[in-house]
Protein backbone atom coordinates (compact mmCIF):
# COMPACT_ATOMS: atom_id res chain seq x y z
CA MET A 1 47.82 44.45 5.21
CA LEU A 2 44.58 42.77 7.04
CA LYS A 3 43.83 39.06 6.60
CA PRO A 4 39.66 39.16 4.98
CA ASP A 5 38.64 37.48 8.32
CA GLU A 6 40.59 40.46 10.27
CA ALA A 7 39.06 43.20 8.08
CA ILE A 8 35.76 42.02 8.29
CA GLY A 9 35.77 41.34 12.43
CA ARG A 10 36.75 45.07 12.46
CA ILE A 11 33.89 46.29 10.16
CA LEU A 12 31.15 44.16 12.34
CA ALA A 13 32.64 45.45 15.60
CA GLN A 14 31.81 48.70 14.64
CA ILE A 15 28.24 48.07 13.64
CA SER A 16 24.87 47.44 15.87
CA PRO A 17 21.84 46.96 14.45
CA MET A 18 19.32 49.83 12.88
CA PRO A 19 16.57 50.94 15.17
CA THR A 20 13.28 48.62 15.30
CA GLU A 21 10.18 49.28 13.63
CA ARG A 22 6.82 47.48 13.46
CA THR A 23 5.78 45.93 9.66
CA PRO A 24 2.84 44.01 8.45
CA LEU A 25 3.74 40.35 8.63
CA LEU A 26 3.91 39.41 4.67
CA ALA A 27 6.27 42.39 4.80
CA ALA A 28 8.82 41.48 7.40
CA GLN A 29 9.27 38.19 4.52
CA GLY A 30 13.42 38.20 4.45
CA ARG A 31 14.03 40.35 7.23
CA ALA A 32 15.23 39.35 10.79
CA LEU A 33 13.04 38.79 13.37
CA GLN A 34 13.97 41.15 16.38
CA VAL A 35 12.43 40.02 19.25
CA ALA A 36 11.67 36.67 20.49
CA GLN A 37 8.07 35.74 19.31
CA ASN A 38 6.33 33.18 22.22
CA ALA A 39 2.94 31.00 21.25
CA ARG A 40 0.08 32.81 22.60
CA PHE A 41 -1.69 28.86 22.16
CA GLU A 42 -1.51 25.48 21.62
CA LEU A 43 -1.38 23.99 18.06
CA PRO A 44 -3.02 22.12 17.12
CA PRO A 45 -6.04 23.37 19.13
CA TRP A 46 -7.57 20.21 19.52
CA ASP A 47 -7.48 16.25 18.33
CA ASN A 48 -8.14 16.23 14.66
CA SER A 49 -7.92 13.93 12.14
CA ALA A 50 -5.18 13.15 10.47
CA MET A 51 -7.08 11.53 7.39
CA ASP A 52 -10.55 10.95 5.36
CA GLY A 53 -11.98 8.02 7.15
CA TYR A 54 -14.32 6.83 10.20
CA ALA A 55 -13.60 7.66 14.24
CA VAL A 56 -13.71 4.64 15.83
CA ARG A 57 -13.12 2.93 19.43
CA ALA A 58 -10.00 0.34 18.62
CA SER A 59 -11.51 -1.79 20.85
CA GLU A 60 -14.93 -2.27 19.09
CA LEU A 61 -13.15 -3.54 15.81
CA PRO A 62 -13.05 -5.49 13.58
CA GLY A 63 -16.48 -5.28 12.58
CA THR A 64 -19.59 -3.93 11.44
CA LEU A 65 -20.49 -0.44 12.85
CA PRO A 66 -23.61 1.82 12.29
CA VAL A 67 -22.42 5.32 10.91
CA SER A 68 -23.81 7.67 13.59
CA GLY A 69 -22.67 11.05 11.88
CA ILE A 70 -20.03 13.03 9.88
CA MET A 71 -17.51 15.41 11.40
CA ALA A 72 -15.99 17.90 8.67
CA ALA A 73 -13.50 20.73 9.10
CA GLY A 74 -14.60 23.31 10.62
CA VAL A 75 -17.39 21.65 13.12
CA SER A 76 -17.01 22.35 16.67
CA PRO A 77 -15.00 19.98 18.71
CA ASP A 78 -17.80 19.39 21.01
CA ALA A 79 -19.31 15.94 19.31
CA GLU A 80 -19.44 13.12 21.01
CA LEU A 81 -18.99 9.05 19.49
CA ALA A 82 -21.53 6.90 20.51
CA VAL A 83 -20.33 3.33 21.83
CA GLY A 84 -20.85 0.89 19.14
CA THR A 85 -20.93 3.49 16.69
CA CYS A 86 -18.25 5.09 13.83
CA MET A 87 -18.63 8.30 12.79
CA LYS A 88 -17.06 9.47 9.46
CA ILE A 89 -14.03 12.24 9.43
CA MET A 90 -12.16 14.62 7.22
CA THR A 91 -8.97 15.48 7.44
CA GLY A 92 -8.92 18.26 9.90
CA ALA A 93 -11.83 17.93 11.61
CA PRO A 94 -12.05 17.54 15.47
CA VAL A 95 -11.87 13.85 16.34
CA PRO A 96 -15.41 13.74 18.57
CA ARG A 97 -15.26 13.31 22.44
CA GLY A 98 -14.98 9.35 22.92
CA ALA A 99 -13.09 7.95 19.85
CA ASP A 100 -9.58 6.78 19.90
CA THR A 101 -8.62 5.98 16.41
CA VAL A 102 -9.34 6.83 12.80
CA VAL A 103 -9.17 4.64 10.07
CA MET A 104 -8.23 5.45 6.55
CA ARG A 105 -11.47 5.65 4.40
CA GLU A 106 -9.28 3.09 1.69
CA ASN A 107 -9.38 0.63 4.26
CA VAL A 108 -13.32 0.47 5.39
CA GLU A 109 -16.24 -0.88 3.34
CA GLU A 110 -18.70 1.46 3.39
CA GLY A 111 -22.32 0.67 3.64
CA THR A 112 -25.70 2.87 2.77
CA SER A 113 -25.62 3.30 7.13
CA VAL A 114 -23.03 1.21 8.48
CA ALA A 115 -19.03 0.90 8.37
CA THR A 116 -17.38 -2.66 8.08
CA PHE A 117 -13.66 -3.45 9.44
CA SER A 118 -11.92 -5.73 8.50
CA GLU A 119 -9.15 -5.61 10.67
CA ALA A 120 -7.97 -4.58 14.04
CA PRO A 121 -6.34 -0.95 13.77
CA ILE A 122 -3.65 0.64 15.67
CA LEU A 123 -4.71 2.20 18.30
CA GLY A 124 -4.69 6.23 18.49
CA ARG A 125 -3.12 5.83 14.88
CA HIS A 126 -4.22 8.96 12.51
CA ILE A 127 -5.01 11.54 15.14
CA ARG A 128 -2.87 14.51 15.36
CA ARG A 129 -3.23 15.59 19.25
CA ALA A 130 -3.76 18.57 21.04
CA GLY A 131 -0.56 21.02 20.94
CA GLU A 132 1.68 18.38 19.49
CA ASP A 133 3.03 20.65 17.04
CA ILE A 134 3.28 24.11 18.88
CA SER A 135 2.57 24.38 23.14
CA ALA A 136 0.90 27.28 24.36
CA ASP A 137 4.03 29.90 25.29
CA SER A 138 6.35 27.53 23.81
CA GLU A 139 9.19 29.46 22.20
CA LEU A 140 7.86 29.88 18.15
CA LEU A 141 11.59 31.66 16.67
CA PRO A 142 14.33 33.19 18.66
CA ALA A 143 15.74 36.98 17.67
CA GLY A 144 17.60 36.80 14.88
CA SER A 145 15.72 34.26 12.47
CA ARG A 146 15.75 35.15 8.97
CA LEU A 147 11.62 35.38 8.33
CA GLY A 148 11.24 33.18 4.78
CA PRO A 149 7.69 31.30 4.04
CA GLY A 150 7.90 28.89 7.09
CA GLU A 151 8.65 31.15 9.58
CA LEU A 152 5.70 33.59 8.50
CA ALA A 153 3.95 30.78 8.57
CA ILE A 154 4.05 29.80 12.20
CA LEU A 155 3.65 33.30 12.67
CA ALA A 156 0.37 33.74 10.85
CA ALA A 157 -1.24 30.55 12.21
CA GLN A 158 -0.49 32.11 15.92
CA GLY A 159 -2.29 35.39 14.68
CA ILE A 160 0.84 37.57 15.07
CA ALA A 161 0.12 40.40 12.49
CA GLU A 162 3.00 42.60 12.89
CA ILE A 163 6.55 41.78 13.79
CA PRO A 164 9.30 43.78 15.15
CA VAL A 165 12.17 44.14 12.41
CA CYS A 166 15.29 46.56 11.71
CA ARG A 167 14.59 49.24 9.57
CA ARG A 168 16.25 48.28 6.12
CA PRO A 169 19.63 50.37 5.78
CA ARG A 170 19.85 53.07 3.09
CA VAL A 171 23.02 53.16 1.28
CA ALA A 172 24.20 55.45 -1.60
CA ILE A 173 25.92 54.26 -4.17
CA LEU A 174 28.52 56.98 -5.90
CA SER A 175 30.15 56.01 -8.63
CA THR A 176 34.18 58.08 -9.45
CA GLY A 177 35.68 58.25 -13.00
CA ASP A 178 35.44 60.72 -15.87
CA GLU A 179 35.07 57.71 -17.88
CA LEU A 180 31.69 56.97 -17.13
CA VAL A 181 28.16 57.95 -17.84
CA PRO A 182 24.99 56.53 -16.90
CA LEU A 183 22.82 53.95 -18.07
CA GLY A 184 21.32 55.61 -21.23
CA ALA A 185 23.57 57.85 -21.87
CA THR A 186 25.63 57.52 -25.12
CA PRO A 187 29.24 57.32 -24.37
CA SER A 188 31.64 58.98 -26.27
CA ASP A 189 35.02 57.34 -27.79
CA ALA A 190 37.14 57.49 -24.49
CA GLN A 191 33.84 56.33 -22.12
CA ILE A 192 32.68 53.60 -20.74
CA ILE A 193 28.63 52.98 -19.63
CA SER A 194 28.59 52.31 -15.91
CA SER A 195 28.07 49.10 -14.55
CA ASN A 196 28.97 49.02 -11.12
CA SER A 197 26.40 51.04 -9.52
CA THR A 198 23.88 48.20 -11.68
CA THR A 199 25.61 45.41 -9.69
CA LEU A 200 25.78 47.14 -6.23
CA ALA A 201 22.16 48.34 -6.34
CA ALA A 202 21.23 44.95 -7.07
CA GLN A 203 23.70 43.14 -4.75
CA ILE A 204 22.16 45.85 -2.02
CA ARG A 205 18.63 45.16 -2.73
CA GLU A 206 19.10 40.96 -1.93
CA ALA A 207 21.59 41.28 0.93
CA GLY A 208 18.24 43.37 2.19
CA GLY A 209 18.85 47.46 1.99
CA ILE A 210 17.40 50.21 0.03
CA ALA A 211 19.61 51.32 -3.15
CA VAL A 212 20.21 54.52 -4.05
CA ASP A 213 22.18 55.38 -7.00
CA ALA A 214 23.83 59.17 -6.33
CA GLY A 215 24.98 59.28 -9.98
CA ILE A 216 28.71 59.74 -10.98
CA VAL A 217 31.62 62.04 -9.62
CA PRO A 218 34.31 63.82 -12.00
CA ASP A 219 37.55 63.01 -11.13
CA THR A 220 38.46 65.87 -9.07
CA LEU A 221 39.08 66.67 -5.54
CA GLN A 222 36.32 68.99 -5.20
CA ALA A 223 33.65 67.61 -6.92
CA THR A 224 34.27 63.98 -5.35
CA VAL A 225 34.25 66.24 -1.46
CA ARG A 226 30.99 67.84 -2.72
CA ALA A 227 29.32 64.56 -3.80
CA LEU A 228 30.60 63.35 -0.38
CA ARG A 229 29.31 65.96 1.74
CA SER A 230 25.36 65.80 -0.10
CA LEU A 231 25.32 62.18 1.00
CA ALA A 232 24.93 62.53 4.85
CA ASP A 233 21.80 60.88 5.34
CA TYR A 234 22.25 58.32 4.28
CA ASP A 235 23.08 55.04 6.63
CA VAL A 236 25.73 53.62 4.24
CA LEU A 237 28.01 54.95 2.00
CA LEU A 238 29.65 53.30 -0.98
CA THR A 239 32.06 54.24 -3.72
CA SER A 240 33.11 52.51 -6.59
CA GLY A 241 36.77 53.46 -7.90
CA GLY A 242 39.09 56.17 -7.09
CA VAL A 243 40.61 54.18 -4.54
CA SER A 244 43.43 52.83 -5.53
CA VAL A 245 47.19 55.16 -5.72
CA GLY A 246 46.71 56.48 -9.16
CA ASP A 247 47.09 60.64 -10.25
CA PHE A 248 43.71 60.76 -10.62
CA ASP A 249 42.04 58.60 -7.74
CA TYR A 250 40.76 61.60 -5.13
CA VAL A 251 38.36 59.43 -3.18
CA LYS A 252 41.15 59.17 -0.03
CA GLU A 253 41.73 62.39 0.49
CA ALA A 254 38.01 63.33 -0.10
CA TYR A 255 36.95 60.82 2.77
CA GLU A 256 39.80 62.69 4.79
CA THR A 257 38.41 66.07 3.91
CA ILE A 258 34.47 65.27 4.93
CA GLY A 259 36.06 63.62 7.90
CA VAL A 260 36.17 60.20 7.39
CA SER A 261 37.74 57.75 10.36
CA MET A 262 39.63 55.23 8.06
CA ASP A 263 40.00 51.76 10.01
CA PHE A 264 41.64 50.42 7.29
CA TRP A 265 42.70 51.10 3.40
CA LYS A 266 43.79 47.81 2.19
CA VAL A 267 43.18 43.74 2.64
CA ALA A 268 45.18 41.31 1.39
CA VAL A 269 42.75 39.79 -0.91
CA LYS A 270 42.48 39.12 -4.47
CA PRO A 271 40.59 40.93 -6.35
CA GLY A 272 40.06 43.73 -4.49
CA LYS A 273 42.97 45.17 -2.15
CA PRO A 274 42.73 48.54 -2.90
CA LEU A 275 39.39 48.31 -0.68
CA ALA A 276 38.43 50.83 2.43
CA PHE A 277 36.41 51.24 5.53
CA GLY A 278 35.62 53.72 7.82
CA THR A 279 33.13 55.67 9.91
CA ARG A 280 32.19 58.98 9.68
CA ALA A 281 30.16 61.40 12.63
CA ILE A 282 27.43 62.97 10.77
CA PRO A 283 27.34 66.90 12.28
CA GLY A 284 24.31 67.74 14.12
CA SER A 285 23.11 64.64 15.09
CA ASP A 286 24.31 61.20 16.94
CA ARG A 287 24.36 59.18 13.75
CA THR A 288 27.07 57.57 12.30
CA GLN A 289 27.40 56.56 8.61
CA LEU A 290 29.38 53.54 7.53
CA VAL A 291 31.49 54.16 4.60
CA PHE A 292 33.12 51.77 2.31
CA GLY A 293 35.57 51.93 -0.59
CA LEU A 294 35.32 49.76 -3.50
CA PRO A 295 37.27 49.17 -6.48
CA GLY A 296 36.17 50.28 -9.31
CA ASN A 297 37.17 47.12 -11.46
CA PRO A 298 33.37 45.46 -12.09
CA ALA A 299 34.66 41.51 -10.61
CA SER A 300 36.16 43.17 -7.96
CA SER A 301 33.74 45.49 -6.69
CA LEU A 302 31.26 42.30 -6.92
CA VAL A 303 33.53 40.41 -4.98
CA SER A 304 34.29 43.41 -2.19
CA PHE A 305 30.91 43.80 -1.77
CA GLU A 306 30.45 40.36 -1.29
CA ILE A 307 33.32 39.90 1.64
CA PHE A 308 32.97 43.19 3.47
CA VAL A 309 29.86 44.98 2.43
CA ARG A 310 27.34 41.91 2.31
CA PRO A 311 28.43 40.92 6.47
CA ALA A 312 27.90 44.53 7.27
CA LEU A 313 24.53 45.23 6.24
CA ARG A 314 23.09 42.17 7.71
CA LYS A 315 24.53 42.66 10.75
CA LEU A 316 22.58 46.36 10.38
CA LEU A 317 19.35 43.96 9.46
CA GLY A 318 20.14 42.31 12.76
CA PHE A 319 20.35 38.67 11.69
CA ALA A 320 21.76 36.62 14.13
CA SER A 321 24.52 35.49 11.13
CA ALA A 322 25.82 38.23 9.23
CA THR A 323 27.62 35.90 7.03
CA ARG A 324 27.25 33.56 4.29
CA PRO A 325 27.71 30.04 5.68
CA ARG A 326 30.98 28.38 4.24
CA ILE A 327 30.23 25.49 2.55
CA MET A 328 33.60 23.03 1.19
CA VAL A 329 33.33 22.19 -2.77
CA THR A 330 35.84 19.53 -4.64
CA LEU A 331 37.77 21.15 -7.20
CA SER A 332 37.65 20.31 -10.96
CA GLU A 333 41.40 21.29 -12.07
CA ASP A 334 44.54 22.21 -10.13
CA PHE A 335 45.11 25.99 -9.25
CA GLU A 336 48.12 27.72 -8.71
CA LYS A 337 48.62 31.20 -7.15
CA ALA A 338 50.90 33.53 -6.17
CA THR A 339 51.72 33.25 -1.90
CA GLY A 340 50.26 36.65 0.20
CA ARG A 341 46.95 37.24 -0.91
CA THR A 342 43.46 35.24 -0.10
CA ASN A 343 42.17 34.73 -3.66
CA PHE A 344 38.45 34.36 -4.07
CA LEU A 345 37.86 33.02 -7.67
CA ARG A 346 34.18 32.92 -9.71
CA ALA A 347 33.06 29.10 -9.88
CA LYS A 348 30.27 27.10 -10.78
CA LEU A 349 29.36 24.79 -9.29
CA THR A 350 28.31 21.03 -10.04
CA PRO A 351 26.35 18.46 -7.41
CA SER A 352 27.90 15.07 -7.01
CA GLU A 353 27.71 12.13 -4.68
CA THR A 354 30.75 13.25 -2.90
CA GLY A 355 29.50 17.30 -2.62
CA PRO A 356 29.48 20.29 -4.89
CA VAL A 357 32.39 20.24 -7.17
CA ALA A 358 33.65 23.89 -8.19
CA THR A 359 34.71 24.53 -12.14
CA LEU A 360 36.64 27.67 -11.94
CA LEU A 361 35.64 30.37 -14.66
CA ARG A 362 37.99 30.59 -17.20
CA LYS A 363 38.02 34.38 -17.26
CA GLN A 364 38.77 35.53 -13.77
CA GLY A 365 40.37 39.54 -14.40
CA SER A 366 38.93 41.84 -12.62
CA GLY A 367 37.48 43.96 -15.15
CA MET A 368 36.22 41.15 -17.13
CA LEU A 369 32.26 41.43 -16.63
CA ARG A 370 32.01 38.13 -18.72
CA SER A 371 33.21 36.39 -15.37
CA MET A 372 30.15 37.60 -13.02
CA VAL A 373 27.47 35.82 -15.11
CA SER A 374 25.68 32.52 -13.65
CA VAL A 375 28.12 32.66 -11.10
CA ASP A 376 27.46 29.94 -8.31
CA CYS A 377 30.21 30.64 -5.29
CA LEU A 378 33.12 32.74 -4.52
CA VAL A 379 36.20 29.63 -3.85
CA GLN A 380 38.57 30.88 -1.20
CA PHE A 381 42.24 30.06 -1.88
CA ASP A 382 44.30 30.41 1.46
CA ALA A 383 47.15 33.47 1.01
CA ASP A 384 50.08 31.11 2.12
CA THR A 385 49.88 28.48 -0.32
CA THR A 386 50.21 28.08 -4.05
CA HIS A 387 48.66 25.05 -4.93
CA PHE A 388 45.77 23.44 -4.91
CA ALA A 389 45.95 19.99 -6.41
CA ALA A 390 42.27 19.02 -8.66
CA GLY A 391 39.93 16.72 -6.19
CA SER A 392 40.99 18.50 -3.06
CA LYS A 393 38.69 20.04 -0.59
CA VAL A 394 38.41 24.32 -0.45
CA PRO A 395 35.86 26.52 1.19
CA ALA A 396 33.36 28.40 -0.79
CA LEU A 397 30.88 31.28 -0.43
CA PRO A 398 27.79 29.98 -1.85
CA LEU A 399 25.90 32.91 -3.50
CA ARG A 400 22.76 31.16 -5.01
CA GLY A 401 20.21 29.90 -2.69
CA ALA A 402 20.26 26.09 -3.92
CA TRP A 403 23.92 25.74 -1.94
């Protein structure tokens, strides 16, 4: 069986970013910039005051000077400070020509038409210089940058109203199993309400894709093939359940029937060993559909998505880095495991002076929904190690932004 990192590498090797589209700036939040953006002009565009205070010539102080005027934000930057005078100035206002320093208002004794400065100021103090933030033609953001509030702000400040991003991939979720009924239906004694479709849809949206619930297919080969064939228009196809070796697991045979070229079927990981990945050439087009067969157990499905599917979606979206950054965490207690498979266990994180401390959730069964609530990270335990002592450092995959 493949190791997890090998499987991820094989998945990403077969993926190219989606075609680009231009989108309004705010609509691009959370997406990846596809073309590097350069500054159209320098910022600030002129020297301006960092404080409410008085624009002065430092060499003329200390002393008392007549106030020759006032500079407010939005006033033309062409004003000039007469020799032997000072000018009241507001934060963000252009510094008048001739002034070389701004003195904070709190350090000035203000009169009716004069201002008294008891100390000599530091030359150049409290002035934001033209271009000190952004120089003209400098790179604002490289391609692949994630567009958060700060990135959107710097583009907006340059008057960039539309930007190129990758089209969001459309992802179909097909749940399998006679035991499942959709949300809103009343299950019989032998049935349960499908939750994986909700979990996967939320994960897809969080990753940046467009999730579409394709419904539930019963456990027959004919029905599974028919359902898979009907989903050819989607960029990515996720099936949940039916990928193991049970008598009613028809997904593998159905994939083969519709022409999916399988890259791998099992991964040496726990939970989620029966995980499939392949590609499907869509007849009559030049498109290739990515196909993932995820386990049916809820926790296995969630973990498999985070480890294998999310990086695929992030690469489709054009991000410079497709995988979440690993962090090192300290175990709060001992952990024992068998060799052979890399384990990813759900955990909560607590901050400490030496870094985050991971406390493993007590119930780690692949079918336990409770173990998916309030999870901060997936702690990674090496396949070939059996004992992990409390206090040891291990890698973890953070699932929440605070980490």
